[in-house]
Amino acid sequence: RSSDLGRRWSPGRPEYLRFVLAKEGTTTLDAMGLLAKALRCKRERFEFAGAKDRLAITRQWVSLWRPDEDHPALLSTANILANNGIKVGRLSWDVVAQQA
């Protein structure tokens, strides 16, 4: 992960942006790839619990590790991905305590 960001992360800055991913007609991995492309970041920065069926209409929590400054705004307007059966919502920040 450290190779993904060339800058230091500010202490106290939230490390994770959580959101709900709703998808239909695509796999979870494909949805993550489309989100990563839209946000211009690596797919490995997304964390989720289990891949969902392409044919199912699903919702699940996803975390984006160390989001860039513009990622929340881009995700909140991610209806540009709606044509691919992907919508996001319920954005929230998670702060992970630094280990001493």
PDB file of N, CA and C in Angstrom:
ATOM      1  N   ARG A   1       0.804  -1.198   0.000  1.00  0.00           N
ATOM      2  CA  ARG A   1       0.000   0.000   0.000  1.00  0.00           C
ATOM      3  C   ARG A   1       0.842   1.254   0.000  1.00  0.00           C
ATOM      4  N   SER A   2       1.945   1.240   0.709  1.00  0.00           N
ATOM      5  CA  SER A   2       2.729   2.464   0.825  1.00  0.00           C
ATOM      6  C   SER A   2       3.246   2.934  -0.521  1.00  0.00           C
ATOM      7  N   SER A   3       3.425   2.032  -1.460  1.00  0.00           N
ATOM      8  CA  SER A   3       3.897   2.439  -2.779  1.00  0.00           C
ATOM      9  C   SER A   3       2.809   3.154  -3.564  1.00  0.00           C
ATOM     10  N   ASP A   4       1.541   3.009  -3.125  1.00  0.00           N
ATOM     11  CA  ASP A   4       0.423   3.624  -3.824  1.00  0.00           C
ATOM     12  C   ASP A   4       0.374   5.131  -3.601  1.00  0.00           C
ATOM     13  N   LEU A   5       0.888   5.590  -2.472  1.00  0.00           N
ATOM     14  CA  LEU A   5       0.870   7.015  -2.167  1.00  0.00           C
ATOM     15  C   LEU A   5       2.285   7.489  -1.897  1.00  0.00           C
ATOM     16  N   GLY A   6       2.734   8.481  -2.633  1.00  0.00           N
ATOM     17  CA  GLY A   6       4.088   8.982  -2.469  1.00  0.00           C
ATOM     18  C   GLY A   6       4.215  10.023  -1.370  1.00  0.00           C
ATOM     19  N   ARG A   7       3.101  10.402  -0.756  1.00  0.00           N
ATOM     20  CA  ARG A   7       3.150  11.425   0.273  1.00  0.00           C
ATOM     21  C   ARG A   7       2.821  10.816   1.638  1.00  0.00           C
ATOM     22  N   ARG A   8       3.209  11.532   2.681  1.00  0.00           N
ATOM     23  CA  ARG A   8       2.891  11.088   4.047  1.00  0.00           C
ATOM     24  C   ARG A   8       1.423  11.370   4.336  1.00  0.00           C
ATOM     25  N   TRP A   9       0.831  10.535   5.152  1.00  0.00           N
ATOM     26  CA  TRP A   9      -0.565  10.709   5.535  1.00  0.00           C
ATOM     27  C   TRP A   9      -0.617  11.520   6.817  1.00  0.00           C
ATOM     28  N   SER A  10      -1.396  12.565   6.845  1.00  0.00           N
ATOM     29  CA  SER A  10      -1.480  13.456   8.002  1.00  0.00           C
ATOM     30  C   SER A  10      -2.077  12.722   9.199  1.00  0.00           C
ATOM     31  N   PRO A  11      -1.461  12.859  10.376  1.00  0.00           N
ATOM     32  CA  PRO A  11      -2.030  12.236  11.576  1.00  0.00           C
ATOM     33  C   PRO A  11      -3.437  12.771  11.842  1.00  0.00           C
ATOM     34  N   GLY A  12      -4.332  11.881  12.200  1.00  0.00           N
ATOM     35  CA  GLY A  12      -5.709  12.274  12.480  1.00  0.00           C
ATOM     36  C   GLY A  12      -6.599  12.351  11.261  1.00  0.00           C
ATOM     37  N   ARG A  13      -6.015  12.333  10.077  1.00  0.00           N
ATOM     38  CA  ARG A  13      -6.834  12.355   8.860  1.00  0.00           C
ATOM     39  C   ARG A  13      -7.452  10.966   8.677  1.00  0.00           C
ATOM     40  N   PRO A  14      -8.733  10.896   8.388  1.00  0.00           N
ATOM     41  CA  PRO A  14      -9.365   9.573   8.205  1.00  0.00           C
ATOM     42  C   PRO A  14      -8.668   8.772   7.110  1.00  0.00           C
ATOM     43  N   GLU A  15      -8.432   7.502   7.410  1.00  0.00           N
ATOM     44  CA  GLU A  15      -7.755   6.639   6.443  1.00  0.00           C
ATOM     45  C   GLU A  15      -8.711   5.932   5.502  1.00  0.00           C
ATOM     46  N   TYR A  16      -9.967   5.845   5.883  1.00  0.00           N
ATOM     47  CA  TYR A  16     -10.930   5.109   5.069  1.00  0.00           C
ATOM     48  C   TYR A  16     -12.170   5.944   4.797  1.00  0.00           C
ATOM     49  N   LEU A  17     -12.612   5.900   3.565  1.00  0.00           N
ATOM     50  CA  LEU A  17     -13.900   6.454   3.175  1.00  0.00           C
ATOM     51  C   LEU A  17     -14.809   5.259   2.914  1.00  0.00           C
ATOM     52  N   ARG A  18     -15.865   5.142   3.707  1.00  0.00           N
ATOM     53  CA  ARG A  18     -16.794   4.026   3.526  1.00  0.00           C
ATOM     54  C   ARG A  18     -18.000   4.497   2.733  1.00  0.00           C
ATOM     55  N   PHE A  19     -18.552   3.582   1.958  1.00  0.00           N
ATOM     56  CA  PHE A  19     -19.758   3.889   1.207  1.00  0.00           C
ATOM     57  C   PHE A  19     -20.486   2.600   0.875  1.00  0.00           C
ATOM     58  N   VAL A  20     -21.747   2.746   0.508  1.00  0.00           N
ATOM     59  CA  VAL A  20     -22.540   1.604   0.085  1.00  0.00           C
ATOM     60  C   VAL A  20     -22.476   1.524  -1.435  1.00  0.00           C
ATOM     61  N   LEU A  21     -22.138   0.356  -1.923  1.00  0.00           N
ATOM     62  CA  LEU A  21     -22.122   0.082  -3.357  1.00  0.00           C
ATOM     63  C   LEU A  21     -23.380  -0.705  -3.705  1.00  0.00           C
ATOM     64  N   ALA A  22     -24.165  -0.195  -4.628  1.00  0.00           N
ATOM     65  CA  ALA A  22     -25.317  -0.924  -5.165  1.00  0.00           C
ATOM     66  C   ALA A  22     -24.985  -1.267  -6.605  1.00  0.00           C
ATOM     67  N   LYS A  23     -25.185  -2.518  -6.961  1.00  0.00           N
ATOM     68  CA  LYS A  23     -24.836  -2.920  -8.327  1.00  0.00           C
ATOM     69  C   LYS A  23     -25.823  -3.933  -8.865  1.00  0.00           C
ATOM     70  N   GLU A  24     -25.905  -3.930 -10.173  1.00  0.00           N
ATOM     71  CA  GLU A  24     -26.769  -4.859 -10.881  1.00  0.00           C
ATOM     72  C   GLU A  24     -26.160  -5.116 -12.252  1.00  0.00           C
ATOM     73  N   GLY A  25     -26.055  -6.378 -12.634  1.00  0.00           N
ATOM     74  CA  GLY A  25     -25.564  -6.724 -13.961  1.00  0.00           C
ATOM     75  C   GLY A  25     -24.053  -6.678 -14.107  1.00  0.00           C
ATOM     76  N   THR A  26     -23.323  -6.629 -12.997  1.00  0.00           N
ATOM     77  CA  THR A  26     -21.866  -6.629 -13.047  1.00  0.00           C
ATOM     78  C   THR A  26     -21.336  -7.321 -11.789  1.00  0.00           C
ATOM     79  N   THR A  27     -20.149  -7.860 -11.860  1.00  0.00           N
ATOM     80  CA  THR A  27     -19.556  -8.484 -10.677  1.00  0.00           C
ATOM     81  C   THR A  27     -18.982  -7.408  -9.767  1.00  0.00           C
ATOM     82  N   THR A  28     -18.752  -7.778  -8.523  1.00  0.00           N
ATOM     83  CA  THR A  28     -18.149  -6.835  -7.583  1.00  0.00           C
ATOM     84  C   THR A  28     -16.773  -6.411  -8.063  1.00  0.00           C
ATOM     85  N   LEU A  29     -15.977  -7.352  -8.541  1.00  0.00           N
ATOM     86  CA  LEU A  29     -14.626  -7.015  -9.006  1.00  0.00           C
ATOM     87  C   LEU A  29     -14.658  -6.077 -10.200  1.00  0.00           C
ATOM     88  N   ASP A  30     -15.587  -6.305 -11.115  1.00  0.00           N
ATOM     89  CA  ASP A  30     -15.719  -5.390 -12.253  1.00  0.00           C
ATOM     90  C   ASP A  30     -16.164  -3.999 -11.797  1.00  0.00           C
ATOM     91  N   ALA A  31     -17.078  -3.963 -10.814  1.00  0.00           N
ATOM     92  CA  ALA A  31     -17.530  -2.673 -10.273  1.00  0.00           C
ATOM     93  C   ALA A  31     -16.370  -1.931  -9.620  1.00  0.00           C
ATOM     94  N   MET A  32     -15.538  -2.657  -8.872  1.00  0.00           N
ATOM     95  CA  MET A  32     -14.375  -2.026  -8.238  1.00  0.00           C
ATOM     96  C   MET A  32     -13.418  -1.483  -9.300  1.00  0.00           C
ATOM     97  N   GLY A  33     -13.247  -2.219 -10.374  1.00  0.00           N
ATOM     98  CA  GLY A  33     -12.391  -1.767 -11.469  1.00  0.00           C
ATOM     99  C   GLY A  33     -12.914  -0.494 -12.107  1.00  0.00           C
ATOM    100  N   LEU A  34     -14.231  -0.411 -12.310  1.00  0.00           N
ATOM    101  CA  LEU A  34     -14.832   0.791 -12.891  1.00  0.00           C
ATOM    102  C   LEU A  34     -14.704   1.984 -11.947  1.00  0.00           C
ATOM    103  N   LEU A  35     -14.913   1.746 -10.634  1.00  0.00           N
ATOM    104  CA  LEU A  35     -14.745   2.829  -9.667  1.00  0.00           C
ATOM    105  C   LEU A  35     -13.295   3.296  -9.622  1.00  0.00           C
ATOM    106  N   ALA A  36     -12.370   2.355  -9.611  1.00  0.00           N
ATOM    107  CA  ALA A  36     -10.947   2.715  -9.585  1.00  0.00           C
ATOM    108  C   ALA A  36     -10.571   3.538 -10.812  1.00  0.00           C
ATOM    109  N   LYS A  37     -11.078   3.143 -11.949  1.00  0.00           N
ATOM    110  CA  LYS A  37     -10.789   3.890 -13.181  1.00  0.00           C
ATOM    111  C   LYS A  37     -11.377   5.302 -13.103  1.00  0.00           C
ATOM    112  N   ALA A  38     -12.611   5.415 -12.606  1.00  0.00           N
ATOM    113  CA  ALA A  38     -13.260   6.728 -12.492  1.00  0.00           C
ATOM    114  C   ALA A  38     -12.522   7.631 -11.519  1.00  0.00           C
ATOM    115  N   LEU A  39     -11.956   7.034 -10.437  1.00  0.00           N
ATOM    116  CA  LEU A  39     -11.240   7.808  -9.427  1.00  0.00           C
ATOM    117  C   LEU A  39      -9.746   7.916  -9.698  1.00  0.00           C
ATOM    118  N   ARG A  40      -9.284   7.231 -10.732  1.00  0.00           N
ATOM    119  CA  ARG A  40      -7.862   7.198 -11.098  1.00  0.00           C
ATOM    120  C   ARG A  40      -6.990   6.729  -9.927  1.00  0.00           C
ATOM    121  N   CYS A  41      -7.385   5.578  -9.356  1.00  0.00           N
ATOM    122  CA  CYS A  41      -6.593   4.977  -8.284  1.00  0.00           C
ATOM    123  C   CYS A  41      -6.548   3.467  -8.505  1.00  0.00           C
ATOM    124  N   LYS A  42      -5.741   2.780  -7.727  1.00  0.00           N
ATOM    125  CA  LYS A  42      -5.611   1.335  -7.868  1.00  0.00           C
ATOM    126  C   LYS A  42      -6.803   0.617  -7.244  1.00  0.00           C
ATOM    127  N   ARG A  43      -7.229  -0.451  -7.893  1.00  0.00           N
ATOM    128  CA  ARG A  43      -8.353  -1.243  -7.389  1.00  0.00           C
ATOM    129  C   ARG A  43      -8.041  -1.845  -6.027  1.00  0.00           C
ATOM    130  N   GLU A  44      -6.779  -2.078  -5.727  1.00  0.00           N
ATOM    131  CA  GLU A  44      -6.378  -2.672  -4.460  1.00  0.00           C
ATOM    132  C   GLU A  44      -6.677  -1.763  -3.260  1.00  0.00           C
ATOM    133  N   ARG A  45      -6.966  -0.497  -3.499  1.00  0.00           N
ATOM    134  CA  ARG A  45      -7.295   0.422  -2.403  1.00  0.00           C
ATOM    135  C   ARG A  45      -8.727   0.246  -1.909  1.00  0.00           C
ATOM    136  N   PHE A  46      -9.527  -0.544  -2.615  1.00  0.00           N
ATOM    137  CA  PHE A  46     -10.896  -0.833  -2.201  1.00  0.00           C
ATOM    138  C   PHE A  46     -10.919  -2.128  -1.404  1.00  0.00           C
ATOM    139  N   GLU A  47     -11.664  -2.105  -0.297  1.00  0.00           N
ATOM    140  CA  GLU A  47     -11.835  -3.298   0.522  1.00  0.00           C
ATOM    141  C   GLU A  47     -13.318  -3.574   0.663  1.00  0.00           C
ATOM    142  N   PHE A  48     -13.670  -4.857   0.571  1.00  0.00           N
ATOM    143  CA  PHE A  48     -15.072  -5.256   0.672  1.00  0.00           C
ATOM    144  C   PHE A  48     -15.119  -6.701   1.153  1.00  0.00           C
ATOM    145  N   ALA A  49     -16.273  -7.102   1.653  1.00  0.00           N
ATOM    146  CA  ALA A  49     -16.433  -8.452   2.194  1.00  0.00           C
ATOM    147  C   ALA A  49     -17.176  -9.319   1.191  1.00  0.00           C
ATOM    148  N   GLY A  50     -16.435 -10.017   0.372  1.00  0.00           N
ATOM    149  CA  GLY A  50     -17.024 -10.979  -0.545  1.00  0.00           C
ATOM    150  C   GLY A  50     -17.498 -10.390  -1.859  1.00  0.00           C
ATOM    151  N   ALA A  51     -17.284 -11.146  -2.906  1.00  0.00           N
ATOM    152  CA  ALA A  51     -17.743 -10.765  -4.240  1.00  0.00           C
ATOM    153  C   ALA A  51     -19.196 -11.204  -4.401  1.00  0.00           C
ATOM    154  N   LYS A  52     -19.972 -10.367  -5.040  1.00  0.00           N
ATOM    155  CA  LYS A  52     -21.394 -10.658  -5.228  1.00  0.00           C
ATOM    156  C   LYS A  52     -21.649 -11.091  -6.666  1.00  0.00           C
ATOM    157  N   ASP A  53     -22.695 -11.852  -6.837  1.00  0.00           N
ATOM    158  CA  ASP A  53     -23.126 -12.412  -8.108  1.00  0.00           C
ATOM    159  C   ASP A  53     -23.425 -11.307  -9.127  1.00  0.00           C
ATOM    160  N   ARG A  54     -23.017 -11.529 -10.369  1.00  0.00           N
ATOM    161  CA  ARG A  54     -23.258 -10.558 -11.433  1.00  0.00           C
ATOM    162  C   ARG A  54     -24.749 -10.380 -11.696  1.00  0.00           C
ATOM    163  N   LEU A  55     -25.514 -11.446 -11.590  1.00  0.00           N
ATOM    164  CA  LEU A  55     -26.934 -11.381 -11.926  1.00  0.00           C
ATOM    165  C   LEU A  55     -27.794 -10.799 -10.803  1.00  0.00           C
ATOM    166  N   ALA A  56     -27.275 -10.799  -9.599  1.00  0.00           N
ATOM    167  CA  ALA A  56     -28.048 -10.320  -8.456  1.00  0.00           C
ATOM    168  C   ALA A  56     -28.026  -8.794  -8.366  1.00  0.00           C
ATOM    169  N   ILE A  57     -29.059  -8.260  -7.772  1.00  0.00           N
ATOM    170  CA  ILE A  57     -29.090  -6.839  -7.400  1.00  0.00           C
ATOM    171  C   ILE A  57     -28.619  -6.803  -5.954  1.00  0.00           C
ATOM    172  N   THR A  58     -27.446  -6.207  -5.713  1.00  0.00           N
ATOM    173  CA  THR A  58     -26.855  -6.278  -4.370  1.00  0.00           C
ATOM    174  C   THR A  58     -26.454  -4.897  -3.861  1.00  0.00           C
ATOM    175  N   ARG A  59     -26.316  -4.828  -2.534  1.00  0.00           N
ATOM    176  CA  ARG A  59     -25.762  -3.656  -1.856  1.00  0.00           C
ATOM    177  C   ARG A  59     -24.760  -4.162  -0.832  1.00  0.00           C
ATOM    178  N   GLN A  60     -23.648  -3.470  -0.701  1.00  0.00           N
ATOM    179  CA  GLN A  60     -22.666  -3.849   0.303  1.00  0.00           C
ATOM    180  C   GLN A  60     -21.792  -2.660   0.651  1.00  0.00           C
ATOM    181  N   TRP A  61     -21.235  -2.698   1.875  1.00  0.00           N
ATOM    182  CA  TRP A  61     -20.301  -1.671   2.311  1.00  0.00           C
ATOM    183  C   TRP A  61     -18.960  -1.896   1.653  1.00  0.00           C
ATOM    184  N   VAL A  62     -18.342  -0.804   1.242  1.00  0.00           N
ATOM    185  CA  VAL A  62     -17.010  -0.819   0.637  1.00  0.00           C
ATOM    186  C   VAL A  62     -16.196   0.271   1.324  1.00  0.00           C
ATOM    187  N   SER A  63     -14.907   0.018   1.517  1.00  0.00           N
ATOM    188  CA  SER A  63     -14.000   1.030   2.067  1.00  0.00           C
ATOM    189  C   SER A  63     -12.952   1.371   1.031  1.00  0.00           C
ATOM    190  N   LEU A  64     -12.643   2.651   0.920  1.00  0.00           N
ATOM    191  CA  LEU A  64     -11.561   3.125   0.054  1.00  0.00           C
ATOM    192  C   LEU A  64     -10.449   3.617   0.963  1.00  0.00           C
ATOM    193  N   TRP A  65      -9.282   2.986   0.875  1.00  0.00           N
ATOM    194  CA  TRP A  65      -8.140   3.297   1.731  1.00  0.00           C
ATOM    195  C   TRP A  65      -7.454   4.573   1.267  1.00  0.00           C
ATOM    196  N   ARG A  66      -7.242   5.471   2.196  1.00  0.00           N
ATOM    197  CA  ARG A  66      -6.554   6.748   1.960  1.00  0.00           C
ATOM    198  C   ARG A  66      -7.015   7.451   0.688  1.00  0.00           C
ATOM    199  N   PRO A  67      -8.275   7.885   0.702  1.00  0.00           N
ATOM    200  CA  PRO A  67      -8.807   8.540  -0.492  1.00  0.00           C
ATOM    201  C   PRO A  67      -8.134   9.880  -0.772  1.00  0.00           C
ATOM    202  N   ASP A  68      -8.026  10.211  -2.030  1.00  0.00           N
ATOM    203  CA  ASP A  68      -7.511  11.515  -2.428  1.00  0.00           C
ATOM    204  C   ASP A  68      -8.550  12.579  -2.081  1.00  0.00           C
ATOM    205  N   GLU A  69      -8.120  13.822  -2.109  1.00  0.00           N
ATOM    206  CA  GLU A  69      -8.987  14.945  -1.719  1.00  0.00           C
ATOM    207  C   GLU A  69     -10.293  14.987  -2.509  1.00  0.00           C
ATOM    208  N   ASP A  70     -10.253  14.645  -3.798  1.00  0.00           N
ATOM    209  CA  ASP A  70     -11.440  14.776  -4.632  1.00  0.00           C
ATOM    210  C   ASP A  70     -12.293  13.512  -4.688  1.00  0.00           C
ATOM    211  N   HIS A  71     -11.874  12.430  -4.060  1.00  0.00           N
ATOM    212  CA  HIS A  71     -12.629  11.186  -4.148  1.00  0.00           C
ATOM    213  C   HIS A  71     -14.048  11.269  -3.582  1.00  0.00           C
ATOM    214  N   PRO A  72     -14.264  11.896  -2.405  1.00  0.00           N
ATOM    215  CA  PRO A  72     -15.650  11.981  -1.917  1.00  0.00           C
ATOM    216  C   PRO A  72     -16.578  12.686  -2.904  1.00  0.00           C
ATOM    217  N   ALA A  73     -16.117  13.772  -3.488  1.00  0.00           N
ATOM    218  CA  ALA A  73     -16.938  14.496  -4.460  1.00  0.00           C
ATOM    219  C   ALA A  73     -17.192  13.642  -5.697  1.00  0.00           C
ATOM    220  N   LEU A  74     -16.178  12.945  -6.153  1.00  0.00           N
ATOM    221  CA  LEU A  74     -16.354  12.093  -7.331  1.00  0.00           C
ATOM    222  C   LEU A  74     -17.307  10.943  -7.038  1.00  0.00           C
ATOM    223  N   LEU A  75     -17.177  10.340  -5.841  1.00  0.00           N
ATOM    224  CA  LEU A  75     -18.085   9.250  -5.495  1.00  0.00           C
ATOM    225  C   LEU A  75     -19.514   9.737  -5.336  1.00  0.00           C
ATOM    226  N   SER A  76     -19.689  10.919  -4.785  1.00  0.00           N
ATOM    227  CA  SER A  76     -21.050  11.427  -4.582  1.00  0.00           C
ATOM    228  C   SER A  76     -21.732  11.745  -5.905  1.00  0.00           C
ATOM    229  N   THR A  77     -20.957  11.943  -6.943  1.00  0.00           N
ATOM    230  CA  THR A  77     -21.531  12.183  -8.268  1.00  0.00           C
ATOM    231  C   THR A  77     -21.314  10.972  -9.174  1.00  0.00           C
ATOM    232  N   ALA A  78     -21.125   9.818  -8.558  1.00  0.00           N
ATOM    233  CA  ALA A  78     -20.780   8.615  -9.328  1.00  0.00           C
ATOM    234  C   ALA A  78     -21.948   8.038 -10.105  1.00  0.00           C
ATOM    235  N   ASN A  79     -23.035   8.774 -10.220  1.00  0.00           N
ATOM    236  CA  ASN A  79     -24.133   8.298 -11.040  1.00  0.00           C
ATOM    237  C   ASN A  79     -23.735   8.216 -12.506  1.00  0.00           C
ATOM    238  N   ILE A  80     -22.549   8.742 -12.837  1.00  0.00           N
ATOM    239  CA  ILE A  80     -22.017   8.544 -14.186  1.00  0.00           C
ATOM    240  C   ILE A  80     -21.789   7.060 -14.444  1.00  0.00           C
ATOM    241  N   LEU A  81     -21.689   6.277 -13.363  1.00  0.00           N
ATOM    242  CA  LEU A  81     -21.519   4.832 -13.501  1.00  0.00           C
ATOM    243  C   LEU A  81     -22.847   4.098 -13.547  1.00  0.00           C
ATOM    244  N   ALA A  82     -23.953   4.830 -13.411  1.00  0.00           N
ATOM    245  CA  ALA A  82     -25.275   4.210 -13.381  1.00  0.00           C
ATOM    246  C   ALA A  82     -25.551   3.426 -14.663  1.00  0.00           C
ATOM    247  N   ASN A  83     -24.994   3.870 -15.778  1.00  0.00           N
ATOM    248  CA  ASN A  83     -25.175   3.130 -17.031  1.00  0.00           C
ATOM    249  C   ASN A  83     -24.561   1.736 -16.957  1.00  0.00           C
ATOM    250  N   ASN A  84     -23.607   1.555 -16.024  1.00  0.00           N
ATOM    251  CA  ASN A  84     -22.990   0.246 -15.825  1.00  0.00           C
ATOM    252  C   ASN A  84     -23.643  -0.508 -14.666  1.00  0.00           C
ATOM    253  N   GLY A  85     -24.767  -0.023 -14.168  1.00  0.00           N
ATOM    254  CA  GLY A  85     -25.477  -0.687 -13.085  1.00  0.00           C
ATOM    255  C   GLY A  85     -24.853  -0.470 -11.724  1.00  0.00           C
ATOM    256  N   ILE A  86     -24.095   0.623 -11.549  1.00  0.00           N
ATOM    257  CA  ILE A  86     -23.385   0.889 -10.294  1.00  0.00           C
ATOM    258  C   ILE A  86     -23.827   2.231  -9.722  1.00  0.00           C
ATOM    259  N   LYS A  87     -24.159   2.231  -8.427  1.00  0.00           N
ATOM    260  CA  LYS A  87     -24.462   3.464  -7.715  1.00  0.00           C
ATOM    261  C   LYS A  87     -23.785   3.400  -6.356  1.00  0.00           C
ATOM    262  N   VAL A  88     -23.417   4.545  -5.828  1.00  0.00           N
ATOM    263  CA  VAL A  88     -22.816   4.607  -4.494  1.00  0.00           C
ATOM    264  C   VAL A  88     -23.586   5.607  -3.657  1.00  0.00           C
ATOM    265  N   GLY A  89     -23.502   5.438  -2.345  1.00  0.00           N
ATOM    266  CA  GLY A  89     -24.173   6.345  -1.442  1.00  0.00           C
ATOM    267  C   GLY A  89     -23.731   6.122  -0.015  1.00  0.00           C
ATOM    268  N   ARG A  90     -24.296   6.899   0.911  1.00  0.00           N
ATOM    269  CA  ARG A  90     -24.018   6.803   2.345  1.00  0.00           C
ATOM    270  C   ARG A  90     -22.527   6.880   2.651  1.00  0.00           C
ATOM    271  N   LEU A  91     -21.870   7.885   2.138  1.00  0.00           N
ATOM    272  CA  LEU A  91     -20.441   8.076   2.387  1.00  0.00           C
ATOM    273  C   LEU A  91     -20.196   8.462   3.837  1.00  0.00           C
ATOM    274  N   SER A  92     -19.173   7.871   4.444  1.00  0.00           N
ATOM    275  CA  SER A  92     -18.778   8.229   5.803  1.00  0.00           C
ATOM    276  C   SER A  92     -17.285   7.988   5.962  1.00  0.00           C
ATOM    277  N   TRP A  93     -16.680   8.689   6.920  1.00  0.00           N
ATOM    278  CA  TRP A  93     -15.249   8.578   7.170  1.00  0.00           C
ATOM    279  C   TRP A  93     -14.989   7.655   8.348  1.00  0.00           C
ATOM    280  N   ASP A  94     -13.930   6.868   8.277  1.00  0.00           N
ATOM    281  CA  ASP A  94     -13.484   6.032   9.382  1.00  0.00           C
ATOM    282  C   ASP A  94     -12.057   6.428   9.730  1.00  0.00           C
ATOM    283  N   VAL A  95     -11.842   6.741  10.985  1.00  0.00           N
ATOM    284  CA  VAL A  95     -10.506   7.071  11.462  1.00  0.00           C
ATOM    285  C   VAL A  95      -9.918   5.834  12.120  1.00  0.00           C
ATOM    286  N   VAL A  96      -8.728   5.460  11.703  1.00  0.00           N
ATOM    287  CA  VAL A  96      -8.032   4.330  12.291  1.00  0.00           C
ATOM    288  C   VAL A  96      -6.928   4.886  13.163  1.00  0.00           C
ATOM    289  N   ALA A  97      -6.907   4.492  14.415  1.00  0.00           N
ATOM    290  CA  ALA A  97      -5.887   4.999  15.340  1.00  0.00           C
ATOM    291  C   ALA A  97      -4.502   4.538  14.915  1.00  0.00           C
ATOM    292  N   GLN A  98      -3.549   5.451  14.978  1.00  0.00           N
ATOM    293  CA  GLN A  98      -2.170   5.126  14.635  1.00  0.00           C
ATOM    294  C   GLN A  98      -1.540   4.316  15.760  1.00  0.00           C
ATOM    295  N   GLN A  99      -0.788   3.295  15.418  1.00  0.00           N
ATOM    296  CA  GLN A  99      -0.055   2.500  16.409  1.00  0.00           C
ATOM    297  C   GLN A  99       1.172   3.259  16.839  1.00  0.00           C
ATOM    298  N   ALA A 100       1.459   3.258  18.139  1.00  0.00           N
ATOM    299  CA  ALA A 100       2.644   3.973  18.657  1.00  0.00           C
ATOM    300  C   ALA A 100       3.895   3.155  18.463  1.00  0.00           C
TER     301      ALA A 100
END
